[in-house]
Amino acid sequence: SFKEMVAMCLVKDQSKRPTAEKLLKHSFFKNAKPPESTLKKLLVDLPPLWDRVKALQ
């Protein structure tokens, strides 16, 4: 889970903290969707840029 992965990253004792390589093998990253799909979901409902600029003026 996300919380588990964050907890692993925040271990204060460096010798007990997992390496970046080990963290990247965590299920959180293994099951993560590509950033492109997440970005598309965020942007799909935004009005066109020109409309947003007009609204600010």
C-alpha atoms as a PDB file:
ATOM      1  CA  SER A   1       0.000   0.000   0.000  1.00  0.00           C
ATOM      2  CA  PHE A   2       0.967   3.641  -0.362  1.00  0.00           C
ATOM      3  CA  LYS A   3       1.159   4.202   3.400  1.00  0.00           C
ATOM      4  CA  GLU A   4       3.408   1.178   3.823  1.00  0.00           C
ATOM      5  CA  MET A   5       5.748   2.380   1.089  1.00  0.00           C
ATOM      6  CA  VAL A   6       5.926   5.910   2.557  1.00  0.00           C
ATOM      7  CA  ALA A   7       6.633   4.479   6.012  1.00  0.00           C
ATOM      8  CA  MET A   8       9.512   2.486   4.527  1.00  0.00           C
ATOM      9  CA  CYS A   9      10.921   5.657   2.956  1.00  0.00           C
ATOM     10  CA  LEU A  10      10.716   7.594   6.221  1.00  0.00           C
ATOM     11  CA  VAL A  11      12.692   5.194   8.420  1.00  0.00           C
ATOM     12  CA  LYS A  12      15.152   7.502  10.207  1.00  0.00           C
ATOM     13  CA  ASP A  13      17.916   4.942  10.661  1.00  0.00           C
ATOM     14  CA  GLN A  14      19.648   4.828   7.295  1.00  0.00           C
ATOM     15  CA  SER A  15      20.956   1.316   7.881  1.00  0.00           C
ATOM     16  CA  LYS A  16      17.376   0.044   8.363  1.00  0.00           C
ATOM     17  CA  ARG A  17      15.871   1.988   5.462  1.00  0.00           C
ATOM     18  CA  PRO A  18      15.423  -0.025   2.238  1.00  0.00           C
ATOM     19  CA  THR A  19      17.497   0.879  -0.784  1.00  0.00           C
ATOM     20  CA  ALA A  20      15.937   2.658  -3.742  1.00  0.00           C
ATOM     21  CA  GLU A  21      16.221  -0.579  -5.714  1.00  0.00           C
ATOM     22  CA  LYS A  22      14.263  -2.476  -3.058  1.00  0.00           C
ATOM     23  CA  LEU A  23      11.636   0.289  -2.807  1.00  0.00           C
ATOM     24  CA  LEU A  24      11.096   0.195  -6.567  1.00  0.00           C
ATOM     25  CA  LYS A  25      10.259  -3.501  -6.264  1.00  0.00           C
ATOM     26  CA  HIS A  26       7.472  -2.685  -3.782  1.00  0.00           C
ATOM     27  CA  SER A  27       3.958  -3.595  -4.925  1.00  0.00           C
ATOM     28  CA  PHE A  28       2.972   0.090  -4.918  1.00  0.00           C
ATOM     29  CA  PHE A  29       5.308   0.718  -7.851  1.00  0.00           C
ATOM     30  CA  LYS A  30       4.771  -2.650  -9.501  1.00  0.00           C
ATOM     31  CA  ASN A  31       1.019  -2.020  -9.670  1.00  0.00           C
ATOM     32  CA  ALA A  32       1.291   1.657 -10.585  1.00  0.00           C
ATOM     33  CA  LYS A  33      -0.195   2.759 -13.882  1.00  0.00           C
ATOM     34  CA  PRO A  34       1.973   4.642 -16.364  1.00  0.00           C
ATOM     35  CA  PRO A  35       2.059   8.407 -15.664  1.00  0.00           C
ATOM     36  CA  GLU A  36       0.560   9.127 -19.086  1.00  0.00           C
ATOM     37  CA  SER A  37      -2.739   7.460 -18.181  1.00  0.00           C
ATOM     38  CA  THR A  38      -2.972   9.395 -14.911  1.00  0.00           C
ATOM     39  CA  LEU A  39      -2.189  12.669 -16.645  1.00  0.00           C
ATOM     40  CA  LYS A  40      -4.868  12.053 -19.270  1.00  0.00           C
ATOM     41  CA  LYS A  41      -7.454  11.448 -16.531  1.00  0.00           C
ATOM     42  CA  LEU A  42      -6.501  14.733 -14.863  1.00  0.00           C
ATOM     43  CA  LEU A  43      -6.611  16.779 -18.046  1.00  0.00           C
ATOM     44  CA  VAL A  44      -9.653  15.292 -19.779  1.00  0.00           C
ATOM     45  CA  ASP A  45     -12.184  17.436 -17.896  1.00  0.00           C
ATOM     46  CA  LEU A  46     -10.272  20.708 -18.114  1.00  0.00           C
ATOM     47  CA  PRO A  47     -11.723  23.342 -20.415  1.00  0.00           C
ATOM     48  CA  PRO A  48      -9.488  24.417 -23.299  1.00  0.00           C
ATOM     49  CA  LEU A  49      -6.542  26.592 -22.274  1.00  0.00           C
ATOM     50  CA  TRP A  50      -7.836  29.594 -24.220  1.00  0.00           C
ATOM     51  CA  ASP A  51     -11.140  29.484 -22.313  1.00  0.00           C
ATOM     52  CA  ARG A  52      -9.285  29.383 -18.995  1.00  0.00           C
ATOM     53  CA  VAL A  53      -7.127  32.363 -20.003  1.00  0.00           C
ATOM     54  CA  LYS A  54     -10.216  34.355 -21.010  1.00  0.00           C
ATOM     55  CA  ALA A  55     -11.850  33.599 -17.668  1.00  0.00           C
ATOM     56  CA  LEU A  56      -8.851  35.057 -15.833  1.00  0.00           C
ATOM     57  CA  GLN A  57      -8.954  38.350 -17.722  1.00  0.00           C
END
